[in-house]
């Protein structure tokens, strides 16, 4: 066996089986789970042994809103841009105060300059999160477009 093949084979043996690990399934946006079996393989001499253990891992679901600059955004004056930014920040503060949003913030040093920021809502549905995000004065004015999807993370992280 060549060296790269040995490394890949060793990596496969050491990896947690994705079908049994909800953390890996979560990357594929599968529904949250409470408990799952995790299989770990340990090589002992010529034999491979499977160790099964309970892996408690509970996920929380949020609605992720990406704010993007539209490709055909109209030019506006500096004063109008500042006014819309103040209204935008006020909208985000109101969403947080009302308990709809957990966090929000801008991006920096991203490859895609059209991505301007993100918000994590906790509304129960992407439709409701979209409705709230689209009521942002900067979105209404055409300064941003929204893309809404579910985001999963370990319970208690946020």
N, C-alpha and C. Protein backbone atom coordinates (compact mmCIF):
# COMPACT_ATOMS: atom_id res chain seq x y z
N UNK A 1 0.85 -1.17 0.00
CA UNK A 1 0.00 0.00 0.00
C UNK A 1 0.90 1.24 0.00
N UNK A 2 0.61 2.19 -0.89
CA UNK A 2 1.41 3.41 -0.96
C UNK A 2 1.09 4.30 0.23
N UNK A 3 1.98 5.24 0.53
CA UNK A 3 1.84 6.11 1.70
C UNK A 3 0.53 6.88 1.71
N UNK A 4 0.12 7.56 0.59
CA UNK A 4 -1.15 8.29 0.64
C UNK A 4 -2.34 7.38 0.91
N UNK A 5 -2.31 6.15 0.37
CA UNK A 5 -3.40 5.22 0.61
C UNK A 5 -3.43 4.79 2.07
N UNK A 6 -2.25 4.57 2.66
CA UNK A 6 -2.20 4.20 4.08
C UNK A 6 -2.76 5.33 4.94
N UNK A 7 -2.41 6.57 4.59
CA UNK A 7 -2.92 7.71 5.35
C UNK A 7 -4.43 7.82 5.25
N UNK A 8 -4.97 7.64 4.03
CA UNK A 8 -6.42 7.70 3.86
C UNK A 8 -7.11 6.58 4.61
N UNK A 9 -6.53 5.38 4.55
CA UNK A 9 -7.11 4.24 5.27
C UNK A 9 -7.09 4.49 6.76
N UNK A 10 -5.99 5.02 7.28
CA UNK A 10 -5.91 5.32 8.72
C UNK A 10 -6.90 6.41 9.08
N UNK A 11 -7.06 7.37 8.21
CA UNK A 11 -8.01 8.46 8.46
C UNK A 11 -9.43 7.92 8.50
N UNK A 12 -9.75 7.00 7.57
CA UNK A 12 -11.09 6.40 7.57
C UNK A 12 -11.35 5.63 8.85
N UNK A 13 -10.35 4.91 9.32
CA UNK A 13 -10.54 4.14 10.55
C UNK A 13 -10.73 5.06 11.75
N UNK A 14 -10.06 6.19 11.76
CA UNK A 14 -10.11 7.08 12.91
C UNK A 14 -11.33 7.97 12.89
N UNK A 15 -11.92 8.15 11.71
CA UNK A 15 -13.08 9.03 11.59
C UNK A 15 -14.30 8.46 12.28
N UNK A 16 -15.14 9.34 12.74
CA UNK A 16 -16.43 8.94 13.27
C UNK A 16 -17.37 8.76 12.10
N UNK A 17 -18.10 7.70 12.10
CA UNK A 17 -19.02 7.41 11.00
C UNK A 17 -20.10 8.50 10.94
N UNK A 18 -20.20 9.19 9.81
CA UNK A 18 -21.12 10.33 9.66
C UNK A 18 -22.57 9.93 9.85
N UNK A 19 -22.90 8.67 9.53
CA UNK A 19 -24.29 8.26 9.70
C UNK A 19 -24.68 8.19 11.16
N UNK A 20 -23.71 8.03 12.04
CA UNK A 20 -23.99 7.87 13.46
C UNK A 20 -23.67 9.11 14.28
N UNK A 21 -23.07 10.12 13.70
CA UNK A 21 -22.67 11.31 14.46
C UNK A 21 -23.56 12.49 14.07
N UNK A 22 -24.43 12.92 14.95
CA UNK A 22 -25.34 14.01 14.61
C UNK A 22 -24.62 15.32 14.33
N UNK A 23 -23.42 15.50 14.87
CA UNK A 23 -22.69 16.73 14.59
C UNK A 23 -22.34 16.80 13.11
N UNK A 24 -21.97 15.68 12.54
CA UNK A 24 -21.67 15.67 11.11
C UNK A 24 -22.94 15.72 10.29
N UNK A 25 -23.97 15.04 10.75
CA UNK A 25 -25.25 15.12 10.04
C UNK A 25 -25.78 16.53 10.06
N UNK A 26 -25.52 17.27 11.14
CA UNK A 26 -26.01 18.64 11.25
C UNK A 26 -25.40 19.51 10.16
N UNK A 27 -24.21 19.21 9.74
CA UNK A 27 -23.60 19.98 8.67
C UNK A 27 -24.38 19.80 7.37
N UNK A 28 -25.06 18.67 7.25
CA UNK A 28 -25.91 18.43 6.09
C UNK A 28 -27.33 18.90 6.33
N UNK A 29 -27.55 19.62 7.42
CA UNK A 29 -28.83 20.19 7.80
C UNK A 29 -29.90 19.12 7.96
N UNK A 30 -29.60 18.13 8.78
CA UNK A 30 -30.57 17.13 9.15
C UNK A 30 -31.30 17.62 10.40
N UNK A 31 -32.45 17.07 10.71
CA UNK A 31 -33.19 17.52 11.89
C UNK A 31 -32.39 17.27 13.17
N UNK A 32 -32.62 18.07 14.20
CA UNK A 32 -31.89 17.88 15.45
C UNK A 32 -32.21 16.54 16.10
N UNK A 33 -31.26 16.05 16.86
CA UNK A 33 -31.44 14.78 17.55
C UNK A 33 -31.08 14.95 19.01
N UNK A 34 -31.59 14.07 19.83
CA UNK A 34 -31.29 14.13 21.25
C UNK A 34 -30.08 13.29 21.61
N UNK A 35 -30.05 12.05 21.16
CA UNK A 35 -28.95 11.14 21.43
C UNK A 35 -28.68 10.31 20.19
N UNK A 36 -27.47 9.89 20.04
CA UNK A 36 -27.14 9.04 18.90
C UNK A 36 -25.97 8.15 19.28
N UNK A 37 -25.85 7.07 18.57
CA UNK A 37 -24.71 6.19 18.78
C UNK A 37 -23.54 6.70 17.95
N UNK A 38 -22.38 6.71 18.56
CA UNK A 38 -21.17 7.10 17.87
C UNK A 38 -20.29 5.86 17.80
N UNK A 39 -19.82 5.54 16.61
CA UNK A 39 -18.93 4.40 16.45
C UNK A 39 -17.51 4.90 16.27
N UNK A 40 -16.64 4.40 17.06
CA UNK A 40 -15.22 4.72 16.93
C UNK A 40 -14.49 3.41 16.71
N UNK A 41 -13.57 3.41 15.78
CA UNK A 41 -12.83 2.20 15.46
C UNK A 41 -11.42 2.31 16.04
N UNK A 42 -10.99 1.24 16.65
CA UNK A 42 -9.64 1.19 17.21
C UNK A 42 -8.97 -0.05 16.65
N UNK A 43 -7.79 0.14 16.11
CA UNK A 43 -7.07 -0.98 15.52
C UNK A 43 -6.17 -1.59 16.59
N UNK A 44 -6.36 -2.87 16.82
CA UNK A 44 -5.57 -3.62 17.79
C UNK A 44 -4.93 -4.77 17.04
N UNK A 45 -3.63 -4.67 16.77
CA UNK A 45 -2.95 -5.70 15.99
C UNK A 45 -3.59 -5.81 14.63
N UNK A 46 -4.04 -6.99 14.26
CA UNK A 46 -4.69 -7.22 12.98
C UNK A 46 -6.20 -7.08 13.08
N UNK A 47 -6.73 -6.84 14.28
CA UNK A 47 -8.17 -6.79 14.47
C UNK A 47 -8.64 -5.35 14.61
N UNK A 48 -9.82 -5.11 14.15
CA UNK A 48 -10.44 -3.80 14.31
C UNK A 48 -11.60 -3.97 15.28
N UNK A 49 -11.66 -3.11 16.25
CA UNK A 49 -12.67 -3.21 17.29
C UNK A 49 -13.58 -1.98 17.20
N UNK A 50 -14.88 -2.20 17.28
CA UNK A 50 -15.82 -1.09 17.26
C UNK A 50 -16.29 -0.82 18.67
N UNK A 51 -16.16 0.42 19.08
CA UNK A 51 -16.60 0.84 20.41
C UNK A 51 -17.83 1.71 20.21
N UNK A 52 -18.94 1.31 20.80
CA UNK A 52 -20.14 2.12 20.70
C UNK A 52 -20.40 2.80 22.03
N UNK A 53 -20.78 4.06 21.95
CA UNK A 53 -21.09 4.81 23.17
C UNK A 53 -22.22 5.77 22.87
N UNK A 54 -22.92 6.13 23.90
CA UNK A 54 -23.96 7.13 23.75
C UNK A 54 -23.30 8.50 23.69
N UNK A 55 -23.71 9.31 22.74
CA UNK A 55 -23.16 10.65 22.59
C UNK A 55 -24.29 11.66 22.72
N UNK A 56 -24.49 12.19 23.91
CA UNK A 56 -25.55 13.19 24.05
C UNK A 56 -25.16 14.45 23.30
N UNK A 57 -26.02 14.87 22.40
CA UNK A 57 -25.74 16.06 21.61
C UNK A 57 -27.07 16.61 21.14
N UNK A 58 -27.49 17.71 21.69
CA UNK A 58 -28.77 18.29 21.34
C UNK A 58 -28.53 19.58 20.57
N UNK A 59 -29.28 19.77 19.51
CA UNK A 59 -29.12 20.94 18.66
C UNK A 59 -30.28 21.91 18.84
N UNK A 60 -29.96 23.19 18.67
CA UNK A 60 -30.97 24.24 18.63
C UNK A 60 -31.03 24.76 17.20
N UNK A 61 -32.22 25.16 16.78
CA UNK A 61 -32.40 25.68 15.43
C UNK A 61 -32.70 27.17 15.48
N UNK A 62 -32.00 27.90 14.65
CA UNK A 62 -32.21 29.33 14.49
C UNK A 62 -32.45 29.62 13.01
N UNK A 63 -32.92 30.81 12.73
CA UNK A 63 -33.07 31.25 11.36
C UNK A 63 -31.92 32.22 11.06
N UNK A 64 -31.11 31.86 10.09
CA UNK A 64 -29.97 32.68 9.69
C UNK A 64 -30.40 33.55 8.53
N UNK A 65 -30.19 34.86 8.68
CA UNK A 65 -30.51 35.81 7.63
C UNK A 65 -29.21 36.43 7.16
N UNK A 66 -28.91 36.26 5.89
CA UNK A 66 -27.75 36.91 5.29
C UNK A 66 -28.22 38.17 4.60
N UNK A 67 -27.54 39.27 4.88
CA UNK A 67 -27.84 40.55 4.23
C UNK A 67 -26.83 40.72 3.10
N UNK A 68 -27.35 40.94 1.90
CA UNK A 68 -26.49 41.07 0.73
C UNK A 68 -26.78 42.37 0.00
N UNK A 69 -25.75 42.94 -0.57
CA UNK A 69 -25.91 44.13 -1.40
C UNK A 69 -26.44 43.68 -2.76
N UNK A 70 -27.55 44.24 -3.22
CA UNK A 70 -28.08 43.85 -4.54
C UNK A 70 -27.13 44.29 -5.66
N UNK A 71 -27.14 43.55 -6.74
CA UNK A 71 -26.27 43.87 -7.87
C UNK A 71 -26.67 45.19 -8.53
N UNK A 72 -27.94 45.52 -8.50
CA UNK A 72 -28.43 46.73 -9.17
C UNK A 72 -28.83 47.81 -8.16
N UNK A 73 -28.06 47.94 -7.08
CA UNK A 73 -28.39 48.92 -6.05
C UNK A 73 -28.21 50.34 -6.58
N UNK A 74 -29.19 51.18 -6.37
CA UNK A 74 -29.15 52.56 -6.83
C UNK A 74 -28.21 53.40 -5.97
N UNK A 75 -27.58 54.36 -6.59
CA UNK A 75 -26.72 55.30 -5.85
C UNK A 75 -27.59 56.30 -5.10
N UNK A 76 -27.21 56.58 -3.86
CA UNK A 76 -27.93 57.58 -3.05
C UNK A 76 -26.91 58.51 -2.41
N UNK A 77 -27.39 59.61 -1.87
CA UNK A 77 -26.49 60.58 -1.25
C UNK A 77 -25.93 60.03 0.06
N UNK A 78 -24.85 60.63 0.52
CA UNK A 78 -24.23 60.22 1.78
C UNK A 78 -25.21 60.42 2.93
N UNK A 79 -25.93 61.52 2.92
CA UNK A 79 -26.90 61.80 3.98
C UNK A 79 -28.00 60.75 4.02
N UNK A 80 -28.49 60.35 2.85
CA UNK A 80 -29.54 59.33 2.78
C UNK A 80 -29.00 57.98 3.25
N UNK A 81 -27.77 57.67 2.87
CA UNK A 81 -27.15 56.41 3.30
C UNK A 81 -26.99 56.38 4.82
N UNK A 82 -26.58 57.50 5.41
CA UNK A 82 -26.45 57.57 6.88
C UNK A 82 -27.81 57.44 7.56
N UNK A 83 -28.83 58.09 6.99
CA UNK A 83 -30.18 58.00 7.55
C UNK A 83 -30.68 56.55 7.50
N UNK A 84 -30.49 55.87 6.37
CA UNK A 84 -30.92 54.48 6.26
C UNK A 84 -30.13 53.56 7.19
N UNK A 85 -28.85 53.85 7.38
CA UNK A 85 -28.05 53.04 8.30
C UNK A 85 -28.55 53.21 9.73
N UNK A 86 -28.89 54.41 10.12
CA UNK A 86 -29.46 54.64 11.46
C UNK A 86 -30.78 53.89 11.63
N UNK A 87 -31.64 53.93 10.60
CA UNK A 87 -32.91 53.21 10.67
C UNK A 87 -32.67 51.69 10.72
N UNK A 88 -31.69 51.23 9.95
CA UNK A 88 -31.33 49.81 9.94
C UNK A 88 -30.88 49.36 11.33
N UNK A 89 -29.98 50.12 11.95
CA UNK A 89 -29.50 49.77 13.30
C UNK A 89 -30.63 49.82 14.32
N UNK A 90 -31.54 50.78 14.17
CA UNK A 90 -32.70 50.85 15.06
C UNK A 90 -33.60 49.63 14.90
N UNK A 91 -33.77 49.18 13.67
CA UNK A 91 -34.58 47.99 13.42
C UNK A 91 -33.95 46.77 14.09
N UNK A 92 -32.63 46.61 13.94
CA UNK A 92 -31.94 45.47 14.56
C UNK A 92 -32.06 45.52 16.08
N UNK A 93 -31.92 46.72 16.65
CA UNK A 93 -32.07 46.87 18.10
C UNK A 93 -33.48 46.50 18.55
N UNK A 94 -34.49 46.91 17.78
CA UNK A 94 -35.87 46.58 18.11
C UNK A 94 -36.12 45.08 18.02
N UNK A 95 -35.55 44.41 17.02
CA UNK A 95 -35.71 42.96 16.89
C UNK A 95 -35.09 42.24 18.09
N UNK A 96 -33.94 42.72 18.54
CA UNK A 96 -33.31 42.14 19.72
C UNK A 96 -34.12 42.40 20.98
N UNK A 97 -34.62 43.62 21.14
CA UNK A 97 -35.40 43.98 22.33
C UNK A 97 -36.72 43.20 22.38
N UNK A 98 -37.30 42.91 21.22
CA UNK A 98 -38.55 42.16 21.17
C UNK A 98 -38.34 40.65 21.34
N UNK A 99 -37.09 40.21 21.37
CA UNK A 99 -36.79 38.80 21.56
C UNK A 99 -36.80 37.97 20.29
N UNK A 100 -36.88 38.63 19.12
CA UNK A 100 -36.91 37.89 17.86
C UNK A 100 -35.50 37.52 17.38
N UNK A 101 -34.51 38.32 17.76
CA UNK A 101 -33.17 38.14 17.24
C UNK A 101 -32.17 37.89 18.36
N UNK A 102 -31.26 36.93 18.14
CA UNK A 102 -30.22 36.63 19.12
C UNK A 102 -28.97 37.46 18.91
N UNK A 103 -28.57 37.64 17.65
CA UNK A 103 -27.37 38.43 17.37
C UNK A 103 -27.40 38.92 15.94
N UNK A 104 -26.63 39.97 15.68
CA UNK A 104 -26.52 40.52 14.34
C UNK A 104 -25.19 41.24 14.25
N UNK A 105 -24.63 41.28 13.05
CA UNK A 105 -23.39 42.00 12.87
C UNK A 105 -22.93 42.01 11.43
N UNK A 106 -22.00 42.92 11.13
CA UNK A 106 -21.48 43.04 9.76
C UNK A 106 -20.34 42.06 9.50
N UNK A 107 -20.04 41.87 8.21
CA UNK A 107 -18.89 41.07 7.80
C UNK A 107 -17.75 41.99 7.42
N UNK A 108 -16.54 41.45 7.45
CA UNK A 108 -15.35 42.17 7.02
C UNK A 108 -14.37 41.15 6.46
N UNK A 109 -13.62 41.52 5.46
CA UNK A 109 -12.59 40.69 4.84
C UNK A 109 -13.16 39.44 4.18
N UNK A 110 -14.44 39.49 3.75
CA UNK A 110 -15.05 38.36 3.05
C UNK A 110 -14.67 38.42 1.58
N UNK A 111 -14.63 37.25 0.93
CA UNK A 111 -14.31 37.20 -0.49
C UNK A 111 -15.41 37.82 -1.33
N UNK A 112 -16.65 37.56 -0.96
CA UNK A 112 -17.78 38.09 -1.71
C UNK A 112 -18.20 39.40 -1.05
N UNK A 113 -17.85 40.51 -1.67
CA UNK A 113 -18.14 41.83 -1.10
C UNK A 113 -19.63 42.15 -1.04
N UNK A 114 -20.46 41.37 -1.75
CA UNK A 114 -21.89 41.63 -1.68
C UNK A 114 -22.48 41.17 -0.34
N UNK A 115 -21.80 40.25 0.34
CA UNK A 115 -22.26 39.82 1.67
C UNK A 115 -21.91 40.91 2.67
N UNK A 116 -22.91 41.49 3.29
CA UNK A 116 -22.70 42.63 4.16
C UNK A 116 -22.83 42.29 5.64
N UNK A 117 -23.67 41.32 6.00
CA UNK A 117 -23.85 40.99 7.41
C UNK A 117 -24.82 39.83 7.58
N UNK A 118 -25.05 39.50 8.85
CA UNK A 118 -25.95 38.38 9.16
C UNK A 118 -26.72 38.67 10.43
N UNK A 119 -27.83 37.97 10.57
CA UNK A 119 -28.65 38.04 11.78
C UNK A 119 -29.09 36.62 12.12
N UNK A 120 -29.13 36.31 13.39
CA UNK A 120 -29.69 35.03 13.84
C UNK A 120 -31.00 35.33 14.55
N UNK A 121 -32.08 34.88 13.93
CA UNK A 121 -33.41 35.06 14.51
C UNK A 121 -33.83 33.79 15.22
N UNK A 122 -34.76 33.93 16.12
CA UNK A 122 -35.39 32.79 16.80
C UNK A 122 -36.89 33.01 16.77
N UNK A 123 -37.49 32.72 15.60
CA UNK A 123 -38.91 32.98 15.40
C UNK A 123 -39.72 31.71 15.23
N UNK A 124 -39.05 30.60 14.91
CA UNK A 124 -39.74 29.34 14.71
C UNK A 124 -39.93 28.95 13.26
N UNK A 125 -39.76 29.91 12.33
CA UNK A 125 -39.91 29.57 10.92
C UNK A 125 -39.11 30.54 10.07
N UNK A 126 -38.69 30.05 8.91
CA UNK A 126 -37.97 30.93 7.99
C UNK A 126 -38.91 31.99 7.41
N UNK A 127 -40.18 31.66 7.29
CA UNK A 127 -41.14 32.63 6.74
C UNK A 127 -41.27 33.84 7.66
N UNK A 128 -41.39 33.58 8.97
CA UNK A 128 -41.51 34.69 9.93
C UNK A 128 -40.22 35.49 9.98
N UNK A 129 -39.07 34.82 9.97
CA UNK A 129 -37.78 35.52 9.98
C UNK A 129 -37.64 36.38 8.73
N UNK A 130 -38.05 35.84 7.58
CA UNK A 130 -38.00 36.61 6.33
C UNK A 130 -38.90 37.84 6.42
N UNK A 131 -40.09 37.66 6.96
CA UNK A 131 -41.03 38.77 7.11
C UNK A 131 -40.41 39.88 7.97
N UNK A 132 -39.80 39.51 9.09
CA UNK A 132 -39.18 40.51 9.97
C UNK A 132 -37.97 41.16 9.30
N UNK A 133 -37.14 40.35 8.64
CA UNK A 133 -35.95 40.90 7.99
C UNK A 133 -36.33 41.83 6.84
N UNK A 134 -37.37 41.48 6.11
CA UNK A 134 -37.78 42.32 4.99
C UNK A 134 -38.48 43.60 5.43
N UNK A 135 -38.81 43.71 6.72
CA UNK A 135 -39.37 44.96 7.24
C UNK A 135 -38.28 45.95 7.65
N UNK A 136 -37.03 45.54 7.55
CA UNK A 136 -35.89 46.42 7.84
C UNK A 136 -35.92 47.57 6.82
N UNK A 137 -35.85 48.82 7.30
CA UNK A 137 -35.91 49.96 6.37
C UNK A 137 -34.84 49.92 5.28
N UNK A 138 -33.67 49.38 5.56
CA UNK A 138 -32.62 49.29 4.54
C UNK A 138 -32.98 48.26 3.47
N UNK A 139 -33.69 47.22 3.85
CA UNK A 139 -34.15 46.22 2.88
C UNK A 139 -35.29 46.81 2.06
N UNK A 140 -36.22 47.49 2.72
CA UNK A 140 -37.35 48.12 2.03
C UNK A 140 -36.84 49.13 1.00
N UNK A 141 -35.77 49.87 1.36
CA UNK A 141 -35.21 50.89 0.46
C UNK A 141 -34.35 50.28 -0.65
N UNK A 142 -34.11 48.97 -0.62
CA UNK A 142 -33.33 48.33 -1.66
C UNK A 142 -31.83 48.35 -1.43
N UNK A 143 -31.39 48.72 -0.23
CA UNK A 143 -29.95 48.71 0.08
C UNK A 143 -29.44 47.30 0.34
N UNK A 144 -30.31 46.41 0.84
CA UNK A 144 -29.97 45.02 1.11
C UNK A 144 -31.04 44.10 0.55
N UNK A 145 -30.62 42.87 0.25
CA UNK A 145 -31.53 41.76 -0.02
C UNK A 145 -31.28 40.73 1.07
N UNK A 146 -32.26 39.91 1.36
CA UNK A 146 -32.10 38.90 2.41
C UNK A 146 -32.16 37.50 1.82
N UNK A 147 -31.38 36.62 2.43
CA UNK A 147 -31.41 35.19 2.14
C UNK A 147 -31.60 34.51 3.49
N UNK A 148 -32.63 33.70 3.64
CA UNK A 148 -32.99 33.12 4.94
C UNK A 148 -32.88 31.60 4.87
N UNK A 149 -32.28 31.02 5.91
CA UNK A 149 -32.12 29.57 5.99
C UNK A 149 -32.05 29.17 7.46
N UNK A 150 -32.14 27.89 7.74
CA UNK A 150 -31.98 27.40 9.10
C UNK A 150 -30.50 27.23 9.43
N UNK A 151 -30.18 27.47 10.69
CA UNK A 151 -28.82 27.30 11.21
C UNK A 151 -28.95 26.49 12.49
N UNK A 152 -28.13 25.44 12.63
CA UNK A 152 -28.15 24.59 13.81
C UNK A 152 -26.85 24.73 14.57
N UNK A 153 -26.94 24.76 15.89
CA UNK A 153 -25.74 24.73 16.73
C UNK A 153 -26.07 23.97 18.02
N UNK A 154 -25.03 23.61 18.72
CA UNK A 154 -25.23 22.86 19.95
C UNK A 154 -26.06 23.66 20.94
N UNK A 155 -27.01 23.00 21.57
CA UNK A 155 -27.90 23.67 22.50
C UNK A 155 -27.11 24.35 23.61
N UNK A 156 -27.47 25.58 23.91
CA UNK A 156 -26.82 26.33 24.98
C UNK A 156 -25.63 27.15 24.50
N UNK A 157 -25.23 27.01 23.24
CA UNK A 157 -24.09 27.77 22.72
C UNK A 157 -24.44 29.23 22.58
N UNK A 158 -25.65 29.53 22.12
CA UNK A 158 -26.08 30.91 21.95
C UNK A 158 -27.16 31.27 22.94
